[in-house]
N, C-alpha and C. Protein backbone atom coordinates (compact mmCIF):
# COMPACT_ATOMS: atom_id res chain seq x y z
N MET A 1 12.38 -1.54 -12.84
CA MET A 1 11.50 -1.15 -11.78
C MET A 1 10.72 0.09 -12.22
N LYS A 2 9.43 0.14 -11.91
CA LYS A 2 8.62 1.28 -12.26
C LYS A 2 8.98 2.48 -11.38
N THR A 3 8.81 3.65 -11.93
CA THR A 3 8.94 4.86 -11.12
C THR A 3 7.55 5.45 -10.97
N THR A 4 7.35 6.16 -9.89
CA THR A 4 6.01 6.68 -9.62
C THR A 4 6.06 8.18 -9.37
N ALA A 5 6.80 8.91 -10.19
CA ALA A 5 6.87 10.35 -10.02
C ALA A 5 5.47 10.92 -10.18
N ASN A 6 5.06 11.70 -9.20
CA ASN A 6 3.73 12.28 -9.21
C ASN A 6 3.85 13.65 -8.54
N THR A 7 4.01 14.67 -9.34
CA THR A 7 4.27 15.99 -8.78
C THR A 7 3.05 16.59 -8.11
N SER A 8 1.87 16.24 -8.49
CA SER A 8 0.68 16.81 -7.87
C SER A 8 0.34 16.12 -6.55
N ARG A 9 0.94 14.98 -6.29
CA ARG A 9 0.70 14.18 -5.07
C ARG A 9 -0.76 13.77 -4.93
N GLY A 10 -1.43 13.62 -6.05
CA GLY A 10 -2.77 13.04 -6.03
C GLY A 10 -2.63 11.54 -5.93
N ARG A 11 -3.71 10.82 -6.09
CA ARG A 11 -3.63 9.36 -6.04
C ARG A 11 -2.76 8.83 -7.15
N SER A 12 -1.90 7.93 -6.78
CA SER A 12 -0.97 7.31 -7.71
C SER A 12 -1.68 6.21 -8.50
N ASP A 13 -1.11 5.88 -9.64
CA ASP A 13 -1.59 4.72 -10.39
C ASP A 13 -1.41 3.45 -9.57
N GLU A 14 -0.51 3.48 -8.59
CA GLU A 14 -0.24 2.33 -7.73
C GLU A 14 -1.09 2.35 -6.45
N TYR A 15 -2.08 3.21 -6.40
CA TYR A 15 -2.96 3.26 -5.23
C TYR A 15 -3.57 1.87 -5.00
N GLY A 16 -3.46 1.37 -3.79
CA GLY A 16 -4.02 0.06 -3.45
C GLY A 16 -3.08 -1.11 -3.67
N GLU A 17 -1.90 -0.87 -4.23
CA GLU A 17 -0.96 -1.96 -4.49
C GLU A 17 -0.45 -2.59 -3.20
N LEU A 18 -0.27 -1.80 -2.15
CA LEU A 18 0.18 -2.39 -0.89
C LEU A 18 -0.89 -3.30 -0.30
N GLN A 19 -2.16 -2.94 -0.49
CA GLN A 19 -3.24 -3.82 -0.02
C GLN A 19 -3.21 -5.14 -0.78
N ARG A 20 -2.99 -5.06 -2.07
CA ARG A 20 -2.88 -6.27 -2.88
C ARG A 20 -1.70 -7.12 -2.42
N LEU A 21 -0.61 -6.47 -2.06
CA LEU A 21 0.57 -7.17 -1.56
C LEU A 21 0.27 -7.88 -0.25
N VAL A 22 -0.37 -7.20 0.67
CA VAL A 22 -0.72 -7.81 1.97
C VAL A 22 -1.68 -8.98 1.75
N ASN A 23 -2.69 -8.79 0.91
CA ASN A 23 -3.63 -9.88 0.63
C ASN A 23 -2.92 -11.10 0.08
N ALA A 24 -1.96 -10.88 -0.81
CA ALA A 24 -1.21 -12.00 -1.40
C ALA A 24 -0.34 -12.70 -0.37
N ALA A 25 0.25 -11.93 0.54
CA ALA A 25 1.14 -12.51 1.55
C ALA A 25 0.40 -13.48 2.47
N TYR A 26 -0.89 -13.23 2.66
CA TYR A 26 -1.67 -14.07 3.58
C TYR A 26 -2.76 -14.87 2.87
N ALA A 27 -2.69 -14.99 1.56
CA ALA A 27 -3.74 -15.66 0.79
C ALA A 27 -3.88 -17.14 1.14
N VAL A 28 -2.78 -17.83 1.30
CA VAL A 28 -2.84 -19.28 1.54
C VAL A 28 -3.21 -19.60 2.98
N ASN A 29 -2.62 -18.88 3.90
CA ASN A 29 -2.86 -19.14 5.32
C ASN A 29 -2.94 -17.82 6.07
N PRO A 30 -4.15 -17.29 6.26
CA PRO A 30 -4.32 -15.97 6.87
C PRO A 30 -3.77 -15.85 8.30
N SER A 31 -3.60 -16.94 9.00
CA SER A 31 -3.14 -16.86 10.38
C SER A 31 -1.63 -17.04 10.53
N LYS A 32 -0.92 -17.25 9.43
CA LYS A 32 0.53 -17.45 9.51
C LYS A 32 1.26 -16.12 9.73
N ALA A 33 2.51 -16.22 10.10
CA ALA A 33 3.38 -15.05 10.21
C ALA A 33 4.32 -15.07 9.01
N VAL A 34 4.54 -13.91 8.41
CA VAL A 34 5.47 -13.80 7.30
C VAL A 34 6.64 -12.93 7.73
N SER A 35 7.79 -13.19 7.16
CA SER A 35 8.96 -12.40 7.50
C SER A 35 8.98 -11.11 6.67
N ALA A 36 9.68 -10.13 7.18
CA ALA A 36 9.85 -8.89 6.44
C ALA A 36 10.51 -9.17 5.10
N MET A 37 11.46 -10.10 5.08
CA MET A 37 12.13 -10.45 3.83
C MET A 37 11.16 -11.07 2.83
N ASP A 38 10.22 -11.90 3.31
CA ASP A 38 9.19 -12.46 2.43
C ASP A 38 8.38 -11.34 1.77
N VAL A 39 8.07 -10.32 2.53
CA VAL A 39 7.27 -9.20 2.02
C VAL A 39 8.09 -8.43 0.98
N VAL A 40 9.36 -8.21 1.24
CA VAL A 40 10.22 -7.51 0.29
C VAL A 40 10.32 -8.29 -1.02
N VAL A 41 10.53 -9.59 -0.92
CA VAL A 41 10.64 -10.42 -2.13
C VAL A 41 9.33 -10.40 -2.91
N LEU A 42 8.21 -10.50 -2.21
CA LEU A 42 6.91 -10.45 -2.89
C LEU A 42 6.71 -9.10 -3.56
N ALA A 43 7.10 -8.03 -2.89
CA ALA A 43 6.99 -6.69 -3.48
C ALA A 43 7.83 -6.57 -4.74
N GLU A 44 9.00 -7.18 -4.73
CA GLU A 44 9.84 -7.17 -5.93
C GLU A 44 9.18 -7.92 -7.07
N THR A 45 8.52 -9.03 -6.78
CA THR A 45 7.84 -9.77 -7.84
C THR A 45 6.66 -8.99 -8.40
N TYR A 46 6.06 -8.13 -7.58
CA TYR A 46 4.96 -7.28 -8.04
C TYR A 46 5.48 -6.05 -8.78
N ASP A 47 6.81 -5.88 -8.81
CA ASP A 47 7.44 -4.76 -9.51
C ASP A 47 6.88 -3.42 -9.06
N LEU A 48 6.83 -3.24 -7.73
CA LEU A 48 6.35 -1.97 -7.18
C LEU A 48 7.32 -0.85 -7.52
N GLY A 49 6.80 0.36 -7.59
CA GLY A 49 7.62 1.52 -7.86
C GLY A 49 8.59 1.81 -6.72
N GLU A 50 9.51 2.72 -6.98
CA GLU A 50 10.57 3.02 -6.02
C GLU A 50 10.05 3.46 -4.66
N GLU A 51 9.06 4.33 -4.65
CA GLU A 51 8.55 4.84 -3.38
C GLU A 51 7.90 3.75 -2.55
N LEU A 52 7.12 2.88 -3.19
CA LEU A 52 6.50 1.78 -2.45
C LEU A 52 7.54 0.75 -2.01
N MET A 53 8.53 0.50 -2.85
CA MET A 53 9.59 -0.42 -2.44
C MET A 53 10.32 0.14 -1.22
N ASP A 54 10.53 1.45 -1.19
CA ASP A 54 11.18 2.07 -0.04
C ASP A 54 10.34 1.88 1.22
N VAL A 55 9.03 1.97 1.10
CA VAL A 55 8.13 1.71 2.24
C VAL A 55 8.31 0.28 2.72
N VAL A 56 8.25 -0.66 1.82
CA VAL A 56 8.35 -2.08 2.18
C VAL A 56 9.74 -2.40 2.76
N GLU A 57 10.76 -1.85 2.16
CA GLU A 57 12.12 -2.11 2.64
C GLU A 57 12.39 -1.45 3.99
N SER A 58 11.53 -0.55 4.43
CA SER A 58 11.68 0.10 5.74
C SER A 58 11.09 -0.74 6.87
N LEU A 59 10.46 -1.85 6.54
CA LEU A 59 9.93 -2.73 7.59
C LEU A 59 11.08 -3.23 8.48
N PRO A 60 10.92 -3.15 9.79
CA PRO A 60 11.93 -3.77 10.66
C PRO A 60 11.95 -5.27 10.43
N SER A 61 13.11 -5.87 10.56
CA SER A 61 13.19 -7.32 10.37
C SER A 61 12.36 -8.02 11.43
N GLY A 62 11.92 -9.21 11.10
CA GLY A 62 11.10 -9.98 12.02
C GLY A 62 10.00 -10.69 11.28
N ARG A 63 9.12 -11.31 12.04
CA ARG A 63 7.97 -12.04 11.48
C ARG A 63 6.71 -11.32 11.92
N TYR A 64 5.73 -11.28 11.02
CA TYR A 64 4.53 -10.49 11.24
C TYR A 64 3.26 -11.29 10.99
N LYS A 65 2.36 -11.25 11.94
CA LYS A 65 0.98 -11.64 11.68
C LYS A 65 0.37 -10.48 10.89
N ARG A 66 -0.73 -10.73 10.23
CA ARG A 66 -1.31 -9.73 9.34
C ARG A 66 -1.55 -8.39 10.03
N TYR A 67 -2.20 -8.39 11.20
CA TYR A 67 -2.53 -7.12 11.85
C TYR A 67 -1.28 -6.32 12.18
N ARG A 68 -0.20 -6.98 12.55
CA ARG A 68 1.03 -6.28 12.90
C ARG A 68 1.73 -5.75 11.66
N LEU A 69 1.72 -6.52 10.57
CA LEU A 69 2.30 -6.04 9.32
C LEU A 69 1.55 -4.79 8.85
N CYS A 70 0.23 -4.84 8.92
CA CYS A 70 -0.57 -3.67 8.51
C CYS A 70 -0.24 -2.46 9.37
N ASP A 71 -0.12 -2.66 10.68
CA ASP A 71 0.26 -1.56 11.58
C ASP A 71 1.60 -0.95 11.17
N GLN A 72 2.57 -1.81 10.92
CA GLN A 72 3.90 -1.33 10.54
C GLN A 72 3.86 -0.57 9.22
N LEU A 73 3.23 -1.15 8.21
CA LEU A 73 3.16 -0.48 6.91
C LEU A 73 2.40 0.84 7.01
N ASN A 74 1.29 0.85 7.73
CA ASN A 74 0.51 2.08 7.88
C ASN A 74 1.30 3.15 8.61
N SER A 75 2.09 2.76 9.60
CA SER A 75 2.94 3.73 10.30
C SER A 75 3.95 4.36 9.36
N ILE A 76 4.56 3.54 8.53
CA ILE A 76 5.55 4.05 7.57
C ILE A 76 4.86 4.96 6.55
N ILE A 77 3.73 4.52 6.03
CA ILE A 77 2.98 5.30 5.04
C ILE A 77 2.56 6.65 5.63
N THR A 78 2.03 6.63 6.84
CA THR A 78 1.56 7.85 7.49
C THR A 78 2.72 8.80 7.79
N ALA A 79 3.82 8.26 8.29
CA ALA A 79 4.97 9.10 8.63
C ALA A 79 5.52 9.82 7.39
N ARG A 80 5.35 9.22 6.24
CA ARG A 80 5.85 9.82 5.00
C ARG A 80 4.79 10.63 4.27
N GLY A 81 3.59 10.69 4.84
CA GLY A 81 2.52 11.46 4.22
C GLY A 81 2.04 10.88 2.91
N LEU A 82 2.04 9.55 2.81
CA LEU A 82 1.69 8.89 1.55
C LEU A 82 0.34 8.19 1.57
N GLY A 83 -0.43 8.34 2.63
CA GLY A 83 -1.70 7.63 2.74
C GLY A 83 -2.65 7.96 1.61
N PHE A 84 -2.77 9.23 1.25
CA PHE A 84 -3.67 9.61 0.17
C PHE A 84 -3.14 9.15 -1.18
N VAL A 85 -1.84 9.16 -1.32
CA VAL A 85 -1.21 8.82 -2.60
C VAL A 85 -1.30 7.33 -2.90
N TYR A 86 -1.04 6.48 -1.88
CA TYR A 86 -1.00 5.04 -2.12
C TYR A 86 -2.05 4.25 -1.34
N GLY A 87 -2.69 4.87 -0.38
CA GLY A 87 -3.68 4.17 0.43
C GLY A 87 -3.02 3.47 1.61
N THR A 88 -3.84 3.07 2.56
CA THR A 88 -3.36 2.32 3.70
C THR A 88 -3.83 0.87 3.55
N VAL A 89 -3.40 0.03 4.48
CA VAL A 89 -3.71 -1.40 4.36
C VAL A 89 -4.47 -1.88 5.58
N GLU A 90 -5.22 -2.95 5.40
CA GLU A 90 -5.94 -3.56 6.52
C GLU A 90 -5.90 -5.06 6.43
């Protein structure tokens, strides 16, 4: 697993990776609901760094339409002060 140590807290090399993850989760059928576990497994296949994996693994269990998944991820990102470092999702 990659590590993303960034002492300056500038933009990470993984900036935008969560957006790529969300886009992939809904690529085949944008109106479907995906489970939190599906998102975690997809994140593992993308080999996200520890901090991003922690964000994804913090999703409450359940099924998510795209807008709700984005809300949840953005809430976690914002609460941890990581929006500038990794970006938010839409």
